[in-house]
Each structure stands twice: as C-alpha cells, then as structure tokens.
PDB file of N, CA and C in Angstrom:
ATOM      1  N   MET A   1     -25.885  24.310  16.776  1.00  0.00           N
ATOM      2  CA  MET A   1     -25.262  23.076  16.640  1.00  0.00           C
ATOM      3  C   MET A   1     -23.762  23.236  17.007  1.00  0.00           C
ATOM      4  N   THR A   2     -23.274  22.398  17.737  1.00  0.00           N
ATOM      5  CA  THR A   2     -21.872  22.479  18.200  1.00  0.00           C
ATOM      6  C   THR A   2     -21.033  21.307  17.529  1.00  0.00           C
ATOM      7  N   ILE A   3     -19.780  21.660  17.115  1.00  0.00           N
ATOM      8  CA  ILE A   3     -18.958  20.810  16.527  1.00  0.00           C
ATOM      9  C   ILE A   3     -17.860  20.385  17.466  1.00  0.00           C
ATOM     10  N   HIS A   4     -17.648  19.159  17.671  1.00  0.00           N
ATOM     11  CA  HIS A   4     -16.679  18.608  18.651  1.00  0.00           C
ATOM     12  C   HIS A   4     -15.579  18.029  17.769  1.00  0.00           C
ATOM     13  N   TYR A   5     -14.342  18.220  18.119  1.00  0.00           N
ATOM     14  CA  TYR A   5     -13.078  17.691  17.473  1.00  0.00           C
ATOM     15  C   TYR A   5     -12.435  16.687  18.353  1.00  0.00           C
ATOM     16  N   THR A   6     -11.968  15.654  17.730  1.00  0.00           N
ATOM     17  CA  THR A   6     -11.275  14.673  18.327  1.00  0.00           C
ATOM     18  C   THR A   6      -9.815  14.517  17.707  1.00  0.00           C
ATOM     19  N   ASN A   7      -8.854  14.461  18.396  1.00  0.00           N
ATOM     20  CA  ASN A   7      -7.438  14.328  17.825  1.00  0.00           C
ATOM     21  C   ASN A   7      -7.128  12.860  18.084  1.00  0.00           C
ATOM     22  N   ALA A   8      -6.748  12.188  16.811  1.00  0.00           N
ATOM     23  CA  ALA A   8      -6.496  10.742  16.881  1.00  0.00           C
ATOM     24  C   ALA A   8      -5.028  10.544  16.428  1.00  0.00           C
ATOM     25  N   ASP A   9      -4.320   9.748  17.193  1.00  0.00           N
ATOM     26  CA  ASP A   9      -2.837   9.551  16.738  1.00  0.00           C
ATOM     27  C   ASP A   9      -2.900   8.310  15.830  1.00  0.00           C
ATOM     28  N   TRP A  10      -2.693   8.552  14.537  1.00  0.00           N
ATOM     29  CA  TRP A  10      -2.684   7.417  13.538  1.00  0.00           C
ATOM     30  C   TRP A  10      -1.291   6.932  13.409  1.00  0.00           C
ATOM     31  N   ALA A  11      -1.041   5.695  13.271  1.00  0.00           N
ATOM     32  CA  ALA A  11       0.251   5.103  13.033  1.00  0.00           C
ATOM     33  C   ALA A  11       0.259   4.417  11.653  1.00  0.00           C
ATOM     34  N   PHE A  12       1.378   4.666  11.026  1.00  0.00           N
ATOM     35  CA  PHE A  12       1.631   4.030   9.649  1.00  0.00           C
ATOM     36  C   PHE A  12       2.277   2.767   9.826  1.00  0.00           C
ATOM     37  N   ASN A  13       1.765   1.660   9.186  1.00  0.00           N
ATOM     38  CA  ASN A  13       2.312   0.324   9.349  1.00  0.00           C
ATOM     39  C   ASN A  13       3.256   0.209   8.117  1.00  0.00           C
ATOM     40  N   SER A  14       4.515   0.594   8.496  1.00  0.00           N
ATOM     41  CA  SER A  14       5.571   0.632   7.488  1.00  0.00           C
ATOM     42  C   SER A  14       5.987  -0.891   7.174  1.00  0.00           C
ATOM     43  N   GLU A  15       5.959  -1.741   8.110  1.00  0.00           N
ATOM     44  CA  GLU A  15       6.207  -3.199   7.790  1.00  0.00           C
ATOM     45  C   GLU A  15       5.319  -3.709   6.754  1.00  0.00           C
ATOM     46  N   LEU A  16       3.958  -3.509   6.921  1.00  0.00           N
ATOM     47  CA  LEU A  16       3.079  -3.989   5.957  1.00  0.00           C
ATOM     48  C   LEU A  16       3.228  -3.383   4.545  1.00  0.00           C
ATOM     49  N   PHE A  17       3.521  -2.074   4.546  1.00  0.00           N
ATOM     50  CA  PHE A  17       3.758  -1.458   3.211  1.00  0.00           C
ATOM     51  C   PHE A  17       5.049  -1.928   2.572  1.00  0.00           C
ATOM     52  N   ALA A  18       6.058  -2.212   3.368  1.00  0.00           N
ATOM     53  CA  ALA A  18       7.304  -2.762   2.798  1.00  0.00           C
ATOM     54  C   ALA A  18       7.042  -4.248   2.372  1.00  0.00           C
ATOM     55  N   GLU A  19       6.260  -4.915   3.094  1.00  0.00           N
ATOM     56  CA  GLU A  19       5.872  -6.332   2.702  1.00  0.00           C
ATOM     57  C   GLU A  19       5.264  -6.257   1.291  1.00  0.00           C
ATOM     58  N   HIS A  20       4.392  -5.403   1.086  1.00  0.00           N
ATOM     59  CA  HIS A  20       3.616  -5.428  -0.220  1.00  0.00           C
ATOM     60  C   HIS A  20       4.555  -4.741  -1.295  1.00  0.00           C
ATOM     61  N   LEU A  21       5.511  -3.967  -1.020  1.00  0.00           N
ATOM     62  CA  LEU A  21       6.374  -3.377  -1.990  1.00  0.00           C
ATOM     63  C   LEU A  21       7.350  -4.422  -2.331  1.00  0.00           C
ATOM     64  N   GLN A  22       7.701  -5.449  -1.520  1.00  0.00           N
ATOM     65  CA  GLN A  22       8.703  -6.514  -1.794  1.00  0.00           C
ATOM     66  C   GLN A  22       8.207  -7.426  -2.927  1.00  0.00           C
ATOM     67  N   LYS A  23       6.836  -7.376  -3.191  1.00  0.00           N
ATOM     68  CA  LYS A  23       6.335  -8.189  -4.207  1.00  0.00           C
ATOM     69  C   LYS A  23       6.388  -7.625  -5.610  1.00  0.00           C
ATOM     70  N   MET A  24       6.889  -6.488  -5.660  1.00  0.00           N
ATOM     71  CA  MET A  24       7.177  -5.862  -6.975  1.00  0.00           C
ATOM     72  C   MET A  24       8.439  -6.474  -7.592  1.00  0.00           C
ATOM     73  N   SER A  25       8.310  -6.621  -8.934  1.00  0.00           N
ATOM     74  CA  SER A  25       9.518  -7.050  -9.672  1.00  0.00           C
ATOM     75  C   SER A  25      10.392  -5.928  -9.891  1.00  0.00           C
ATOM     76  N   GLU A  26      11.528  -6.165 -10.362  1.00  0.00           N
ATOM     77  CA  GLU A  26      12.468  -5.042 -10.629  1.00  0.00           C
ATOM     78  C   GLU A  26      12.094  -4.151 -11.730  1.00  0.00           C
ATOM     79  N   ASP A  27      11.431  -4.686 -12.753  1.00  0.00           N
ATOM     80  CA  ASP A  27      10.911  -3.880 -13.788  1.00  0.00           C
ATOM     81  C   ASP A  27       9.767  -3.071 -13.181  1.00  0.00           C
ATOM     82  N   ASP A  28       8.950  -3.510 -12.323  1.00  0.00           N
ATOM     83  CA  ASP A  28       7.882  -2.690 -11.712  1.00  0.00           C
ATOM     84  C   ASP A  28       8.532  -1.475 -10.897  1.00  0.00           C
ATOM     85  N   VAL A  29       9.614  -1.869 -10.129  1.00  0.00           N
ATOM     86  CA  VAL A  29      10.329  -0.788  -9.380  1.00  0.00           C
ATOM     87  C   VAL A  29      10.809   0.347 -10.294  1.00  0.00           C
ATOM     88  N   LEU A  30      11.466  -0.111 -11.387  1.00  0.00           N
ATOM     89  CA  LEU A  30      12.020   0.848 -12.394  1.00  0.00           C
ATOM     90  C   LEU A  30      10.961   1.745 -13.020  1.00  0.00           C
ATOM     91  N   ALA A  31       9.763   1.086 -13.390  1.00  0.00           N
ATOM     92  CA  ALA A  31       8.656   1.722 -13.980  1.00  0.00           C
ATOM     93  C   ALA A  31       7.988   2.764 -13.041  1.00  0.00           C
ATOM     94  N   ALA A  32       7.786   2.347 -11.819  1.00  0.00           N
ATOM     95  CA  ALA A  32       7.202   3.184 -10.716  1.00  0.00           C
ATOM     96  C   ALA A  32       8.152   4.404 -10.393  1.00  0.00           C
ATOM     97  N   ALA A  33       9.381   4.110 -10.398  1.00  0.00           N
ATOM     98  CA  ALA A  33      10.339   5.181 -10.047  1.00  0.00           C
ATOM     99  C   ALA A  33      10.189   6.219 -11.119  1.00  0.00           C
ATOM    100  N   GLU A  34      10.205   5.845 -12.390  1.00  0.00           N
ATOM    101  CA  GLU A  34      10.221   6.726 -13.464  1.00  0.00           C
ATOM    102  C   GLU A  34       8.904   7.525 -13.461  1.00  0.00           C
ATOM    103  N   LEU A  35       7.720   6.829 -13.248  1.00  0.00           N
ATOM    104  CA  LEU A  35       6.475   7.538 -13.202  1.00  0.00           C
ATOM    105  C   LEU A  35       6.345   8.535 -12.057  1.00  0.00           C
ATOM    106  N   MET A  36       7.027   8.118 -10.948  1.00  0.00           N
ATOM    107  CA  MET A  36       6.907   9.109  -9.684  1.00  0.00           C
ATOM    108  C   MET A  36       7.982  10.091  -9.674  1.00  0.00           C
ATOM    109  N   ASP A  37       8.938   9.983 -10.593  1.00  0.00           N
ATOM    110  CA  ASP A  37      10.116  10.900 -10.580  1.00  0.00           C
ATOM    111  C   ASP A  37      10.944  10.768  -9.307  1.00  0.00           C
ATOM    112  N   VAL A  38      11.098   9.575  -8.890  1.00  0.00           N
ATOM    113  CA  VAL A  38      11.950   9.286  -7.741  1.00  0.00           C
ATOM    114  C   VAL A  38      13.020   8.269  -8.175  1.00  0.00           C
ATOM    115  N   SER A  39      14.091   8.037  -7.346  1.00  0.00           N
ATOM    116  CA  SER A  39      15.109   7.068  -7.834  1.00  0.00           C
ATOM    117  C   SER A  39      14.633   5.754  -7.455  1.00  0.00           C
ATOM    118  N   ARG A  40      15.201   4.800  -8.097  1.00  0.00           N
ATOM    119  CA  ARG A  40      14.972   3.289  -7.962  1.00  0.00           C
ATOM    120  C   ARG A  40      15.405   3.003  -6.459  1.00  0.00           C
ATOM    121  N   GLN A  41      16.488   3.676  -5.980  1.00  0.00           N
ATOM    122  CA  GLN A  41      16.855   3.404  -4.594  1.00  0.00           C
ATOM    123  C   GLN A  41      15.968   3.823  -3.577  1.00  0.00           C
ATOM    124  N   ALA A  42      15.249   4.865  -3.855  1.00  0.00           N
ATOM    125  CA  ALA A  42      14.212   5.400  -2.881  1.00  0.00           C
ATOM    126  C   ALA A  42      13.104   4.290  -2.802  1.00  0.00           C
ATOM    127  N   ILE A  43      12.687   3.674  -3.792  1.00  0.00           N
ATOM    128  CA  ILE A  43      11.651   2.548  -3.722  1.00  0.00           C
ATOM    129  C   ILE A  43      12.305   1.352  -3.022  1.00  0.00           C
ATOM    130  N   GLN A  44      13.520   1.214  -3.351  1.00  0.00           N
ATOM    131  CA  GLN A  44      14.274  -0.014  -2.637  1.00  0.00           C
ATOM    132  C   GLN A  44      14.365   0.256  -1.124  1.00  0.00           C
ATOM    133  N   ARG A  45      14.590   1.466  -0.781  1.00  0.00           N
ATOM    134  CA  ARG A  45      14.660   1.798   0.710  1.00  0.00           C
ATOM    135  C   ARG A  45      13.227   1.588   1.368  1.00  0.00           C
ATOM    136  N   TRP A  46      12.160   2.011   0.681  1.00  0.00           N
ATOM    137  CA  TRP A  46      10.866   1.810   1.159  1.00  0.00           C
ATOM    138  C   TRP A  46      10.490   0.285   1.216  1.00  0.00           C
ATOM    139  N   ARG A  47      10.982  -0.512   0.332  1.00  0.00           N
ATOM    140  CA  ARG A  47      10.810  -1.880   0.362  1.00  0.00           C
ATOM    141  C   ARG A  47      11.499  -2.541   1.533  1.00  0.00           C
ATOM    142  N   SER A  48      12.505  -2.037   2.036  1.00  0.00           N
ATOM    143  CA  SER A  48      13.223  -2.467   3.140  1.00  0.00           C
ATOM    144  C   SER A  48      12.825  -1.849   4.518  1.00  0.00           C
ATOM    145  N   GLY A  49      11.945  -0.768   4.372  1.00  0.00           N
ATOM    146  CA  GLY A  49      11.544  -0.081   5.477  1.00  0.00           C
ATOM    147  C   GLY A  49      12.516   1.011   6.011  1.00  0.00           C
ATOM    148  N   ASN A  50      13.481   1.295   5.147  1.00  0.00           N
ATOM    149  CA  ASN A  50      14.533   2.225   5.477  1.00  0.00           C
ATOM    150  C   ASN A  50      14.209   3.576   4.805  1.00  0.00           C
ATOM    151  N   TYR A  51      13.858   4.553   5.676  1.00  0.00           N
ATOM    152  CA  TYR A  51      13.441   5.835   5.144  1.00  0.00           C
ATOM    153  C   TYR A  51      14.537   6.855   5.462  1.00  0.00           C
ATOM    154  N   SER A  52      14.653   7.798   4.495  1.00  0.00           N
ATOM    155  CA  SER A  52      15.794   8.719   4.674  1.00  0.00           C
ATOM    156  C   SER A  52      15.388   9.982   5.407  1.00  0.00           C
ATOM    157  N   THR A  53      14.171  10.010   5.885  1.00  0.00           N
ATOM    158  CA  THR A  53      13.691  11.159   6.723  1.00  0.00           C
ATOM    159  C   THR A  53      13.436  10.714   8.162  1.00  0.00           C
ATOM    160  N   ASP A  54      12.962  11.585   8.940  1.00  0.00           N
ATOM    161  CA  ASP A  54      12.658  11.305  10.280  1.00  0.00           C
ATOM    162  C   ASP A  54      11.297  10.622  10.452  1.00  0.00           C
ATOM    163  N   PHE A  55      10.619  10.461   9.292  1.00  0.00           N
ATOM    164  CA  PHE A  55       9.323   9.824   9.363  1.00  0.00           C
ATOM    165  C   PHE A  55       9.458   8.431   8.809  1.00  0.00           C
ATOM    166  N   ASN A  56       8.626   7.475   9.378  1.00  0.00           N
ATOM    167  CA  ASN A  56       8.668   6.088   8.946  1.00  0.00           C
ATOM    168  C   ASN A  56       7.780   5.761   7.810  1.00  0.00           C
ATOM    169  N   PHE A  57       7.594   6.717   6.884  1.00  0.00           N
ATOM    170  CA  PHE A  57       6.850   6.502   5.662  1.00  0.00           C
ATOM    171  C   PHE A  57       7.258   7.392   4.602  1.00  0.00           C
ATOM    172  N   PRO A  58       7.049   7.025   3.391  1.00  0.00           N
ATOM    173  CA  PRO A  58       7.386   7.998   2.304  1.00  0.00           C
ATOM    174  C   PRO A  58       6.406   9.193   2.279  1.00  0.00           C
ATOM    175  N   ARG A  59       6.774  10.270   1.449  1.00  0.00           N
ATOM    176  CA  ARG A  59       5.867  11.389   1.286  1.00  0.00           C
ATOM    177  C   ARG A  59       4.508  10.884   0.900  1.00  0.00           C
ATOM    178  N   MET A  60       3.470  11.565   1.352  1.00  0.00           N
ATOM    179  CA  MET A  60       2.117  11.069   1.166  1.00  0.00           C
ATOM    180  C   MET A  60       1.799  10.975  -0.349  1.00  0.00           C
ATOM    181  N   SER A  61       2.290  12.042  -1.117  1.00  0.00           N
ATOM    182  CA  SER A  61       1.928  11.906  -2.553  1.00  0.00           C
ATOM    183  C   SER A  61       2.573  10.622  -3.122  1.00  0.00           C
ATOM    184  N   ASN A  62       3.923  10.267  -2.789  1.00  0.00           N
ATOM    185  CA  ASN A  62       4.512   9.153  -3.325  1.00  0.00           C
ATOM    186  C   ASN A  62       3.742   7.868  -2.821  1.00  0.00           C
ATOM    187  N   PHE A  63       3.355   7.797  -1.547  1.00  0.00           N
ATOM    188  CA  PHE A  63       2.631   6.715  -1.066  1.00  0.00           C
ATOM    189  C   PHE A  63       1.357   6.436  -1.846  1.00  0.00           C
ATOM    190  N   LEU A  64       0.644   7.520  -2.063  1.00  0.00           N
ATOM    191  CA  LEU A  64      -0.718   7.351  -2.752  1.00  0.00           C
ATOM    192  C   LEU A  64      -0.405   7.006  -4.322  1.00  0.00           C
ATOM    193  N   HIS A  65       0.638   7.499  -4.903  1.00  0.00           N
ATOM    194  CA  HIS A  65       1.025   7.054  -6.196  1.00  0.00           C
ATOM    195  C   HIS A  65       1.302   5.458  -6.277  1.00  0.00           C
ATOM    196  N   LEU A  66       1.994   5.093  -5.340  1.00  0.00           N
ATOM    197  CA  LEU A  66       2.383   3.633  -5.215  1.00  0.00           C
ATOM    198  C   LEU A  66       1.140   2.839  -5.002  1.00  0.00           C
ATOM    199  N   CYS A  67       0.225   3.250  -4.082  1.00  0.00           N
ATOM    200  CA  CYS A  67      -1.029   2.641  -3.880  1.00  0.00           C
ATOM    201  C   CYS A  67      -1.848   2.422  -5.160  1.00  0.00           C
ATOM    202  N   ASN A  68      -1.857   3.620  -5.962  1.00  0.00           N
ATOM    203  CA  ASN A  68      -2.601   3.537  -7.059  1.00  0.00           C
ATOM    204  C   ASN A  68      -2.029   2.646  -8.186  1.00  0.00           C
ATOM    205  N   LEU A  69      -0.708   2.682  -8.304  1.00  0.00           N
ATOM    206  CA  LEU A  69      -0.039   1.842  -9.304  1.00  0.00           C
ATOM    207  C   LEU A  69      -0.208   0.320  -8.923  1.00  0.00           C
ATOM    208  N   LEU A  70      -0.142   0.013  -7.633  1.00  0.00           N
ATOM    209  CA  LEU A  70      -0.126  -1.399  -7.215  1.00  0.00           C
ATOM    210  C   LEU A  70      -1.596  -1.893  -6.835  1.00  0.00           C
ATOM    211  N   ASP A  71      -2.580  -0.994  -6.945  1.00  0.00           N
ATOM    212  CA  ASP A  71      -3.927  -1.292  -6.606  1.00  0.00           C
ATOM    213  C   ASP A  71      -4.092  -1.708  -5.139  1.00  0.00           C
ATOM    214  N   LEU A  72      -3.401  -0.874  -4.369  1.00  0.00           N
ATOM    215  CA  LEU A  72      -3.428  -1.052  -2.846  1.00  0.00           C
ATOM    216  C   LEU A  72      -4.389  -0.045  -2.213  1.00  0.00           C
ATOM    217  N   ASP A  73      -5.094  -0.441  -1.147  1.00  0.00           N
ATOM    218  CA  ASP A  73      -5.926   0.460  -0.455  1.00  0.00           C
ATOM    219  C   ASP A  73      -5.107   1.289   0.625  1.00  0.00           C
ATOM    220  N   PRO A  74      -4.928   2.601   0.572  1.00  0.00           N
ATOM    221  CA  PRO A  74      -4.164   3.318   1.559  1.00  0.00           C
ATOM    222  C   PRO A  74      -4.619   3.179   2.970  1.00  0.00           C
ATOM    223  N   ARG A  75      -5.893   2.893   3.205  1.00  0.00           N
ATOM    224  CA  ARG A  75      -6.525   2.753   4.503  1.00  0.00           C
ATOM    225  C   ARG A  75      -5.947   1.561   5.234  1.00  0.00           C
ATOM    226  N   ASP A  76      -5.447   0.502   4.432  1.00  0.00           N
ATOM    227  CA  ASP A  76      -4.917  -0.612   5.113  1.00  0.00           C
ATOM    228  C   ASP A  76      -3.552  -0.381   5.870  1.00  0.00           C
ATOM    229  N   TYR A  77      -2.937   0.773   5.669  1.00  0.00           N
ATOM    230  CA  TYR A  77      -1.630   1.057   6.295  1.00  0.00           C
ATOM    231  C   TYR A  77      -1.635   2.041   7.592  1.00  0.00           C
ATOM    232  N   PHE A  78      -2.926   2.353   7.924  1.00  0.00           N
ATOM    233  CA  PHE A  78      -3.004   3.328   9.041  1.00  0.00           C
ATOM    234  C   PHE A  78      -3.871   2.739  10.141  1.00  0.00           C
ATOM    235  N   THR A  79      -3.298   2.818  11.329  1.00  0.00           N
ATOM    236  CA  THR A  79      -4.107   2.197  12.509  1.00  0.00           C
ATOM    237  C   THR A  79      -4.086   3.262  13.630  1.00  0.00           C
ATOM    238  N   LEU A  80      -5.019   3.138  14.501  1.00  0.00           N
ATOM    239  CA  LEU A  80      -5.114   4.013  15.715  1.00  0.00           C
ATOM    240  C   LEU A  80      -4.252   3.553  16.775  1.00  0.00           C
TER     241      LEU A  80
END
C-alpha cells in the first residue's frame, strides 16, 4: 500500500471571524478574555481584524476557545 500526500494551502477567513466576534456584547468580551487569559484589547483587535502578529488570525488555541465559547464551527473559517 502506498500513501500519497497532498499539500493544500488553506486560507483563514478573518473577515467572517471578525464579523461573528462583532456580535459579542462587551460583557461577553470581558468574560471570554478572562476565561482565555488574554486582554480585552486582544479580542477587540480580533473583532476588527487587526492582528498583532504577522498572521491574519489569532493563535489556534485562542481561536478554538472562542469557537467553543460562541458555539461556532471552526471549519467555517478555513477555505482552500
């Protein structure tokens, strides 16, 4: 049996993620920031699509935490 690998370039849809985060209330932002041990400003930047790193998405662990907290499907934000 031969295994074949394919490299796929996935893109993160930061605009859609920001759009969903903008629906959070300020209380939700504060609670999520506390639960994830990040600053409120970090979540505010993600809500505006402004990331402080060279990547156009938050760290994967933070992204997955927010998806869990907001009942979002992480698969919705990645495209080929």
